[in-house]
Amino acid sequence: MSKLIVANGCSFTEEYYLDRKDRWTTKCNVNINLALGGGSNERIFFTTLEYLNHNTPDVVIIGWTATQRFMLPSNNGSRIAIMPGHSFDENIGGNERKFSDFYYKNCYNEFTSLERTLNYMIHLQTVCQLKGIKLLNFNSLLPEIGEENLKSIASMAFMSRKDKDIEKMGIQHNLKKLKGLIDKLDKSTWIYEFWYSMPVHCKNFPLEKSGHPDVDGSNHWAKLVKKYL
C-alpha cells in the first residue's frame, strides 16, 4: 500500500523554479506539498499543524528555513511572507516591503527567532510521535549551531547589561536555554545526520539562477530522501 507523504518548507521544498516532474518531492512521491518559496518557520509550523489537525499522513518531511524570516497575518485575511529586504502576500503576491522594513527595524531578534524555531521543531516532533507519523527533518537555511555561533545568538537575548559580569552571566544563561532545546530534538528524525543541509548535500552541482540546486542537484537530494522513507 502506498504511503501518504506530506512535505513542507521553503523554496528548497517547493522548487517552483523546476518543472514539477523534476522536483525532488515528485520523485519521492510526495502527495501534498505545503511549501512556499520565501516562507518562514512560523509558516511551516502553522500550516503543518493546520494540516495535521485534520489528516494523519504516514510521513511528514520538513525542510526548516532561515530564522530571519517571519509570517505576519494580513487584515485582508491572507498572510504576509517577510524576508530581509522583501515581503509579499501569500495569495496575491506583490511587493509588501513596508512590512519587512517595519519588522526588521522594530521586531526581529536573532535569539528569539531561533528559540521559536526550536520550539516549533519540538512541538511538531511531539505531535508526530503522538499520531504515529514518521517525521523527517532537514536543513534548508538554518543557522549554524556550533558553540561560537550559538553564543553569539545568545548575546542578542533580552538581559541586564549594566555591567560586563552580569551580561556574561546572561549570555551563558541564554546559551544554556538554546542548548537545552536542541537536546530535546530527536536526532533520529533527521535525514542523514542531525542538522543536515540540502544545499550542502547538493554543493557539487550547478545552481539555478535563483541560487537553488538544478535538476541534477535536486535528483541527487531525492535519492538520499528515498532512503529514509
Protein backbone atom coordinates (compact mmCIF):
# COMPACT_ATOMS: atom_id res chain seq x y z
CA MET A 1 0.00 0.00 0.00
CA SER A 2 1.36 3.42 -0.96
CA LYS A 3 2.25 5.93 1.74
CA LEU A 4 0.63 9.32 2.18
CA ILE A 5 3.57 11.73 2.27
CA VAL A 6 3.37 15.44 3.13
CA ALA A 7 6.22 17.92 2.73
CA ASN A 8 6.63 21.49 3.94
CA GLY A 9 9.37 24.08 3.84
CA CYS A 10 10.57 26.99 1.73
CA SER A 11 11.77 27.17 -1.88
CA PHE A 12 14.11 24.21 -1.37
CA THR A 13 10.97 22.11 -0.86
CA GLU A 14 8.55 23.87 -3.19
CA GLU A 15 11.15 24.13 -6.00
CA TYR A 16 8.90 26.48 -8.00
CA TYR A 17 11.83 27.11 -10.36
CA LEU A 18 11.81 23.49 -11.66
CA ASP A 19 9.23 21.66 -13.74
CA ARG A 20 7.03 19.59 -11.46
CA LYS A 21 8.38 16.31 -12.85
CA ASP A 22 11.94 17.36 -11.94
CA ARG A 23 11.30 18.27 -8.29
CA TRP A 24 12.64 16.05 -5.54
CA THR A 25 9.20 15.92 -3.95
CA THR A 26 7.74 14.47 -7.16
CA LYS A 27 10.49 11.86 -7.36
CA CYS A 28 9.86 10.92 -3.71
CA ASN A 29 6.11 10.52 -4.37
CA VAL A 30 5.11 13.37 -2.06
CA ASN A 31 1.31 13.67 -2.22
CA ILE A 32 0.87 17.07 -0.56
CA ASN A 33 3.45 19.85 -0.81
CA LEU A 34 2.62 22.69 1.57
CA ALA A 35 5.88 24.56 0.98
CA LEU A 36 6.16 28.16 -0.17
CA GLY A 37 9.24 29.86 -1.56
CA GLY A 38 10.18 32.62 0.87
CA GLY A 39 8.12 31.04 3.63
CA SER A 40 9.24 31.19 7.26
CA ASN A 41 9.50 28.61 10.03
CA GLU A 42 6.36 30.19 11.53
CA ARG A 43 4.53 29.37 8.32
CA ILE A 44 5.99 25.86 8.15
CA PHE A 45 4.90 25.16 11.71
CA PHE A 46 1.43 26.69 11.38
CA THR A 47 0.49 25.14 8.02
CA THR A 48 1.82 21.71 9.03
CA LEU A 49 -0.21 21.69 12.27
CA GLU A 50 -3.22 23.03 10.37
CA TYR A 51 -2.95 20.05 8.04
CA LEU A 52 -2.32 17.52 10.84
CA ASN A 53 -5.36 18.74 12.78
CA HIS A 54 -7.49 17.20 10.02
CA ASN A 55 -5.27 14.50 8.50
CA THR A 56 -2.89 11.74 9.55
CA PRO A 57 -0.34 11.07 6.81
CA ASP A 58 2.24 8.31 7.01
CA VAL A 59 5.24 10.61 6.59
CA VAL A 60 5.91 14.32 7.13
CA ILE A 61 9.06 15.84 5.63
CA ILE A 62 10.10 19.28 6.88
CA GLY A 63 12.83 21.49 5.41
CA TRP A 64 13.42 24.15 8.08
CA THR A 65 14.47 27.52 6.73
CA ALA A 66 16.15 30.79 7.71
CA THR A 67 15.18 32.04 11.17
CA GLN A 68 15.30 35.65 9.93
CA ARG A 69 12.02 35.14 8.09
CA PHE A 70 8.57 35.65 9.58
CA MET A 71 4.88 35.17 8.83
CA LEU A 72 2.56 38.08 9.55
CA PRO A 73 -1.25 37.94 9.33
CA SER A 74 -2.81 40.47 6.98
CA ASN A 75 -6.01 42.42 7.59
CA ASN A 76 -7.32 41.10 4.25
CA GLY A 77 -7.36 37.58 5.74
CA SER A 78 -4.22 36.48 3.92
CA ARG A 79 -0.64 36.18 5.24
CA ILE A 80 2.48 38.22 4.55
CA ALA A 81 5.76 36.37 3.99
CA ILE A 82 8.54 38.52 5.40
CA MET A 83 12.17 38.22 4.33
CA PRO A 84 15.12 40.61 4.60
CA GLY A 85 14.51 43.33 2.04
CA HIS A 86 11.26 41.92 0.69
CA SER A 87 7.74 40.88 1.66
CA PHE A 88 4.78 39.57 -0.31
CA ASP A 89 1.19 38.47 0.17
CA GLU A 90 0.98 34.66 0.00
CA ASN A 91 -2.22 34.78 -2.06
CA ILE A 92 -1.88 37.79 -4.31
CA GLY A 93 1.87 38.37 -4.41
CA GLY A 94 3.05 41.93 -4.88
CA ASN A 95 5.73 43.84 -3.04
CA GLU A 96 4.86 44.50 0.59
CA ARG A 97 8.26 45.95 1.52
CA LYS A 98 6.71 48.18 4.17
CA PHE A 99 6.13 45.12 6.36
CA SER A 100 9.70 43.86 6.15
CA ASP A 101 11.03 47.38 6.80
CA PHE A 102 8.91 47.60 9.94
CA TYR A 103 9.64 44.05 11.11
CA TYR A 104 13.42 44.21 10.90
CA LYS A 105 13.54 47.68 12.41
CA ASN A 106 11.20 47.01 15.33
CA CYS A 107 10.58 43.30 15.87
CA TYR A 108 13.34 40.98 14.67
CA ASN A 109 15.66 39.45 17.25
CA GLU A 110 18.13 36.72 16.35
CA PHE A 111 17.81 34.91 19.69
CA THR A 112 14.02 34.83 19.92
CA SER A 113 13.76 33.78 16.26
CA LEU A 114 15.97 30.73 16.78
CA GLU A 115 14.29 29.96 20.11
CA ARG A 116 10.86 29.97 18.43
CA THR A 117 12.08 27.70 15.64
CA LEU A 118 13.48 25.17 18.10
CA ASN A 119 10.19 25.16 20.00
CA TYR A 120 8.31 24.62 16.73
CA MET A 121 10.54 21.64 15.98
CA ILE A 122 9.97 20.12 19.41
CA HIS A 123 6.20 20.59 19.27
CA LEU A 124 5.87 19.14 15.78
CA GLN A 125 8.09 16.24 16.82
CA THR A 126 5.72 15.54 19.73
CA VAL A 127 2.60 15.75 17.57
CA CYS A 128 4.02 13.30 15.05
CA GLN A 129 5.02 10.90 17.83
CA LEU A 130 1.51 11.03 19.33
CA LYS A 131 -0.16 10.46 15.95
CA GLY A 132 2.25 7.72 14.86
CA ILE A 133 3.55 9.75 11.92
CA LYS A 134 7.08 9.28 10.64
CA LEU A 135 8.86 12.66 10.77
CA LEU A 136 11.84 13.53 8.60
CA ASN A 137 13.64 16.85 9.11
CA PHE A 138 16.32 18.56 7.09
CA ASN A 139 18.09 21.89 7.00
CA SER A 140 17.34 24.30 4.15
CA LEU A 141 18.73 27.55 5.54
CA LEU A 142 19.06 27.12 9.31
CA PRO A 143 21.89 28.90 11.18
CA GLU A 144 24.94 27.03 12.38
CA ILE A 145 24.61 25.65 15.90
CA GLY A 146 28.27 25.37 16.83
CA GLU A 147 29.33 26.75 20.21
CA GLU A 148 30.56 30.12 18.99
CA ASN A 149 27.58 30.89 16.79
CA LEU A 150 25.11 29.85 19.48
CA LYS A 151 26.95 32.06 21.96
CA SER A 152 26.73 34.97 19.53
CA ILE A 153 22.99 34.39 19.10
CA ALA A 154 22.52 34.08 22.88
CA SER A 155 24.15 37.51 23.29
CA MET A 156 21.14 39.01 21.44
CA ALA A 157 18.66 37.85 24.11
CA PHE A 158 16.97 40.27 26.48
CA MET A 159 19.10 40.61 29.61
CA SER A 160 20.57 43.13 32.02
CA ARG A 161 23.71 44.72 30.60
CA LYS A 162 24.51 47.08 33.47
CA ASP A 163 27.98 45.59 33.78
CA LYS A 164 30.10 43.04 31.89
CA ASP A 165 29.87 40.32 34.54
CA ILE A 166 26.07 40.40 34.63
CA GLU A 167 25.94 40.45 30.83
CA LYS A 168 28.27 37.46 30.67
CA MET A 169 26.02 35.55 33.07
CA GLY A 170 23.01 36.46 30.92
CA ILE A 171 24.69 35.16 27.77
CA GLN A 172 25.58 31.89 29.47
CA HIS A 173 22.02 31.52 30.77
CA ASN A 174 20.52 32.01 27.31
CA LEU A 175 23.15 29.81 25.67
CA LYS A 176 22.08 27.07 28.09
CA LYS A 177 18.44 27.63 27.08
CA LEU A 178 19.26 27.15 23.39
CA LYS A 179 21.34 24.05 24.06
CA GLY A 180 18.57 22.64 26.23
CA LEU A 181 16.07 23.00 23.39
CA ILE A 182 18.47 21.46 20.88
CA ASP A 183 18.99 18.50 23.23
CA LYS A 184 15.24 17.82 23.15
CA LEU A 185 15.30 17.24 19.40
CA ASP A 186 15.16 13.63 18.28
CA LYS A 187 18.31 13.27 16.18
CA SER A 188 16.94 10.11 14.55
CA THR A 189 14.27 12.11 12.70
CA TRP A 190 16.85 13.96 10.61
CA ILE A 191 17.78 12.94 7.09
CA TYR A 192 21.35 11.57 7.00
CA GLU A 193 22.51 13.31 10.18
CA PHE A 194 21.36 15.95 12.66
CA TRP A 195 21.01 19.43 11.12
CA TYR A 196 21.99 18.07 7.68
CA SER A 197 21.64 20.60 4.89
CA MET A 198 20.20 20.13 1.41
CA PRO A 199 22.38 22.95 -0.02
CA VAL A 200 25.46 21.24 1.43
CA HIS A 201 24.41 17.86 0.03
CA CYS A 202 23.99 19.41 -3.44
CA LYS A 203 27.05 21.70 -3.32
CA ASN A 204 28.85 19.92 -6.18
CA PHE A 205 26.02 20.51 -8.64
CA PRO A 206 25.30 23.67 -10.69
CA LEU A 207 22.79 26.16 -9.34
CA GLU A 208 19.75 27.68 -10.97
CA LYS A 209 19.66 31.46 -11.43
CA SER A 210 17.62 31.53 -8.23
CA GLY A 211 20.61 30.11 -6.34
CA HIS A 212 18.99 26.71 -5.75
CA PRO A 213 20.19 23.27 -6.88
CA ASP A 214 19.48 22.48 -10.53
CA VAL A 215 17.67 19.40 -11.82
CA ASP A 216 20.67 17.14 -11.19
CA GLY A 217 21.19 18.51 -7.69
CA SER A 218 17.53 18.04 -6.85
CA ASN A 219 17.67 14.48 -8.16
CA HIS A 220 20.76 13.86 -6.02
CA TRP A 221 18.80 15.03 -2.97
CA ALA A 222 15.79 12.88 -3.92
CA LYS A 223 17.97 9.75 -3.92
CA LEU A 224 19.02 10.50 -0.35
CA VAL A 225 15.50 11.24 0.88
CA LYS A 226 14.15 8.00 -0.62
CA LYS A 227 16.49 6.01 1.63
CA TYR A 228 14.67 7.37 4.69
CA LEU A 229 11.07 6.97 3.53
